[in-house]
Amino acid sequence: MRFVRLLAPCAAFVLFGSCGEKPVDPADFGTRPLTLPNGKTIRVEVMSRIEDMARGMMFRESLAPDRGMLFIHPSPGLQKYWMYQVKIPLDIVFIGPNR
């Protein structure tokens, strides 16, 4: 009888633990959806630490068409970017508080 009381919750855990949302694509880890003004949604890596912004896209071999990076600076102002060790072509878009 004790075995049955232990087995029932374990069986329920196994059965119901496999239900739910679809599995996450490993390529989506560390990204967030971003909806553009035209309605298209892309996935972006959010960069807010200075170290992450400095590394940016360095040493990356590719970037999927629906992927990007979003750099969040602490305040509006002149921002500098460089292409050192960036192996792929990039488009840069600046978004300010009024646009």
C-alpha atoms as a PDB file:
ATOM      1  CA  MET A   1       0.000   0.000   0.000  1.00  0.00           C
ATOM      2  CA  ARG A   2       2.831   2.374   0.827  1.00  0.00           C
ATOM      3  CA  PHE A   3       4.384   1.633  -2.564  1.00  0.00           C
ATOM      4  CA  VAL A   4       1.156   2.639  -4.346  1.00  0.00           C
ATOM      5  CA  ARG A   5       1.019   5.960  -2.458  1.00  0.00           C
ATOM      6  CA  LEU A   6       4.559   6.708  -3.605  1.00  0.00           C
ATOM      7  CA  LEU A   7       4.066   5.471  -7.158  1.00  0.00           C
ATOM      8  CA  ALA A   8       0.904   7.496  -7.902  1.00  0.00           C
ATOM      9  CA  PRO A   9       2.494  10.976  -7.496  1.00  0.00           C
ATOM     10  CA  CYS A  10       5.554   9.858  -9.466  1.00  0.00           C
ATOM     11  CA  ALA A  11       3.378   8.585 -12.310  1.00  0.00           C
ATOM     12  CA  ALA A  12       1.394  11.836 -12.328  1.00  0.00           C
ATOM     13  CA  PHE A  13       4.615  13.847 -12.430  1.00  0.00           C
ATOM     14  CA  VAL A  14       5.891  11.859 -15.418  1.00  0.00           C
ATOM     15  CA  LEU A  15       2.587  12.074 -17.298  1.00  0.00           C
ATOM     16  CA  PHE A  16       1.814  15.732 -16.684  1.00  0.00           C
ATOM     17  CA  GLY A  17       5.399  16.921 -16.682  1.00  0.00           C
ATOM     18  CA  SER A  18       5.629  16.257 -20.406  1.00  0.00           C
ATOM     19  CA  CYS A  19       2.586  18.436 -21.176  1.00  0.00           C
ATOM     20  CA  GLY A  20       2.723  22.156 -21.717  1.00  0.00           C
ATOM     21  CA  GLU A  21       4.414  24.602 -23.987  1.00  0.00           C
ATOM     22  CA  LYS A  22       6.460  23.640 -26.995  1.00  0.00           C
ATOM     23  CA  PRO A  23      10.197  23.153 -26.412  1.00  0.00           C
ATOM     24  CA  VAL A  24      12.387  26.235 -26.623  1.00  0.00           C
ATOM     25  CA  ASP A  25      14.729  26.491 -29.587  1.00  0.00           C
ATOM     26  CA  PRO A  26      18.292  26.586 -28.173  1.00  0.00           C
ATOM     27  CA  ALA A  27      19.032  29.468 -30.552  1.00  0.00           C
ATOM     28  CA  ASP A  28      16.454  31.549 -28.647  1.00  0.00           C
ATOM     29  CA  PHE A  29      18.191  31.293 -25.268  1.00  0.00           C
ATOM     30  CA  GLY A  30      19.329  34.715 -24.127  1.00  0.00           C
ATOM     31  CA  THR A  31      17.128  36.559 -26.630  1.00  0.00           C
ATOM     32  CA  ARG A  32      13.918  38.534 -26.431  1.00  0.00           C
ATOM     33  CA  PRO A  33      11.322  39.289 -29.080  1.00  0.00           C
ATOM     34  CA  LEU A  34      11.366  42.840 -30.451  1.00  0.00           C
ATOM     35  CA  THR A  35       8.533  44.105 -32.647  1.00  0.00           C
ATOM     36  CA  LEU A  36       9.656  46.635 -35.234  1.00  0.00           C
ATOM     37  CA  PRO A  37       7.521  49.623 -36.347  1.00  0.00           C
ATOM     38  CA  ASN A  38       6.514  47.711 -39.506  1.00  0.00           C
ATOM     39  CA  GLY A  39       5.049  44.900 -37.354  1.00  0.00           C
ATOM     40  CA  LYS A  40       7.809  42.373 -38.001  1.00  0.00           C
ATOM     41  CA  THR A  41       9.156  40.616 -34.907  1.00  0.00           C
ATOM     42  CA  ILE A  42      12.816  39.679 -34.570  1.00  0.00           C
ATOM     43  CA  ARG A  43      14.743  38.148 -31.674  1.00  0.00           C
ATOM     44  CA  VAL A  44      17.451  40.300 -30.121  1.00  0.00           C
ATOM     45  CA  GLU A  45      20.192  39.855 -27.586  1.00  0.00           C
ATOM     46  CA  VAL A  46      19.901  42.747 -25.139  1.00  0.00           C
ATOM     47  CA  MET A  47      23.217  44.417 -24.300  1.00  0.00           C
ATOM     48  CA  SER A  48      23.203  46.786 -21.335  1.00  0.00           C
ATOM     49  CA  ARG A  49      26.572  46.120 -19.675  1.00  0.00           C
ATOM     50  CA  ILE A  50      29.618  47.983 -20.988  1.00  0.00           C
ATOM     51  CA  GLU A  51      31.560  44.705 -21.380  1.00  0.00           C
ATOM     52  CA  ASP A  52      28.815  43.138 -23.498  1.00  0.00           C
ATOM     53  CA  MET A  53      28.507  46.239 -25.674  1.00  0.00           C
ATOM     54  CA  ALA A  54      32.273  46.311 -26.225  1.00  0.00           C
ATOM     55  CA  ARG A  55      32.255  42.682 -27.409  1.00  0.00           C
ATOM     56  CA  GLY A  56      29.075  43.077 -29.476  1.00  0.00           C
ATOM     57  CA  MET A  57      29.255  41.020 -32.677  1.00  0.00           C
ATOM     58  CA  MET A  58      33.006  40.357 -32.523  1.00  0.00           C
ATOM     59  CA  PHE A  59      34.113  36.941 -33.774  1.00  0.00           C
ATOM     60  CA  ARG A  60      30.617  35.868 -34.889  1.00  0.00           C
ATOM     61  CA  GLU A  61      30.606  33.885 -38.108  1.00  0.00           C
ATOM     62  CA  SER A  62      26.961  34.548 -38.998  1.00  0.00           C
ATOM     63  CA  LEU A  63      23.717  36.189 -37.937  1.00  0.00           C
ATOM     64  CA  ALA A  64      20.296  34.826 -38.891  1.00  0.00           C
ATOM     65  CA  PRO A  65      18.017  37.213 -40.829  1.00  0.00           C
ATOM     66  CA  ASP A  66      15.566  37.421 -37.915  1.00  0.00           C
ATOM     67  CA  ARG A  67      18.196  38.103 -35.224  1.00  0.00           C
ATOM     68  CA  GLY A  68      19.935  41.187 -33.897  1.00  0.00           C
ATOM     69  CA  MET A  69      21.345  43.019 -30.894  1.00  0.00           C
ATOM     70  CA  LEU A  70      19.788  45.813 -28.905  1.00  0.00           C
ATOM     71  CA  PHE A  71      22.229  48.119 -27.109  1.00  0.00           C
ATOM     72  CA  ILE A  72      20.633  49.966 -24.200  1.00  0.00           C
ATOM     73  CA  HIS A  73      22.673  52.957 -23.075  1.00  0.00           C
ATOM     74  CA  PRO A  74      22.117  54.573 -19.666  1.00  0.00           C
ATOM     75  CA  SER A  75      21.359  57.968 -21.204  1.00  0.00           C
ATOM     76  CA  PRO A  76      20.888  59.574 -24.638  1.00  0.00           C
ATOM     77  CA  GLY A  77      24.018  61.020 -26.185  1.00  0.00           C
ATOM     78  CA  LEU A  78      26.798  60.483 -28.672  1.00  0.00           C
ATOM     79  CA  GLN A  79      27.526  56.748 -28.936  1.00  0.00           C
ATOM     80  CA  LYS A  80      30.527  55.236 -30.687  1.00  0.00           C
ATOM     81  CA  TYR A  81      30.637  51.824 -32.353  1.00  0.00           C
ATOM     82  CA  TRP A  82      33.460  50.039 -34.093  1.00  0.00           C
ATOM     83  CA  MET A  83      33.673  47.040 -36.397  1.00  0.00           C
ATOM     84  CA  TYR A  84      36.867  45.510 -34.987  1.00  0.00           C
ATOM     85  CA  GLN A  85      36.862  41.731 -35.502  1.00  0.00           C
ATOM     86  CA  VAL A  86      33.290  41.809 -36.847  1.00  0.00           C
ATOM     87  CA  LYS A  87      33.224  39.287 -39.686  1.00  0.00           C
ATOM     88  CA  ILE A  88      29.712  39.957 -41.011  1.00  0.00           C
ATOM     89  CA  PRO A  89      28.050  43.040 -42.525  1.00  0.00           C
ATOM     90  CA  LEU A  90      25.744  44.897 -40.136  1.00  0.00           C
ATOM     91  CA  ASP A  91      23.088  47.587 -40.227  1.00  0.00           C
ATOM     92  CA  ILE A  92      22.986  49.993 -37.296  1.00  0.00           C
ATOM     93  CA  VAL A  93      19.805  51.828 -36.343  1.00  0.00           C
ATOM     94  CA  PHE A  94      19.741  54.521 -33.671  1.00  0.00           C
ATOM     95  CA  ILE A  95      16.537  54.863 -31.662  1.00  0.00           C
ATOM     96  CA  GLY A  96      16.112  57.877 -29.427  1.00  0.00           C
ATOM     97  CA  PRO A  97      13.442  58.913 -26.953  1.00  0.00           C
ATOM     98  CA  ASN A  98      11.575  60.928 -29.619  1.00  0.00           C
ATOM     99  CA  ARG A  99      11.866  58.525 -32.565  1.00  0.00           C
END
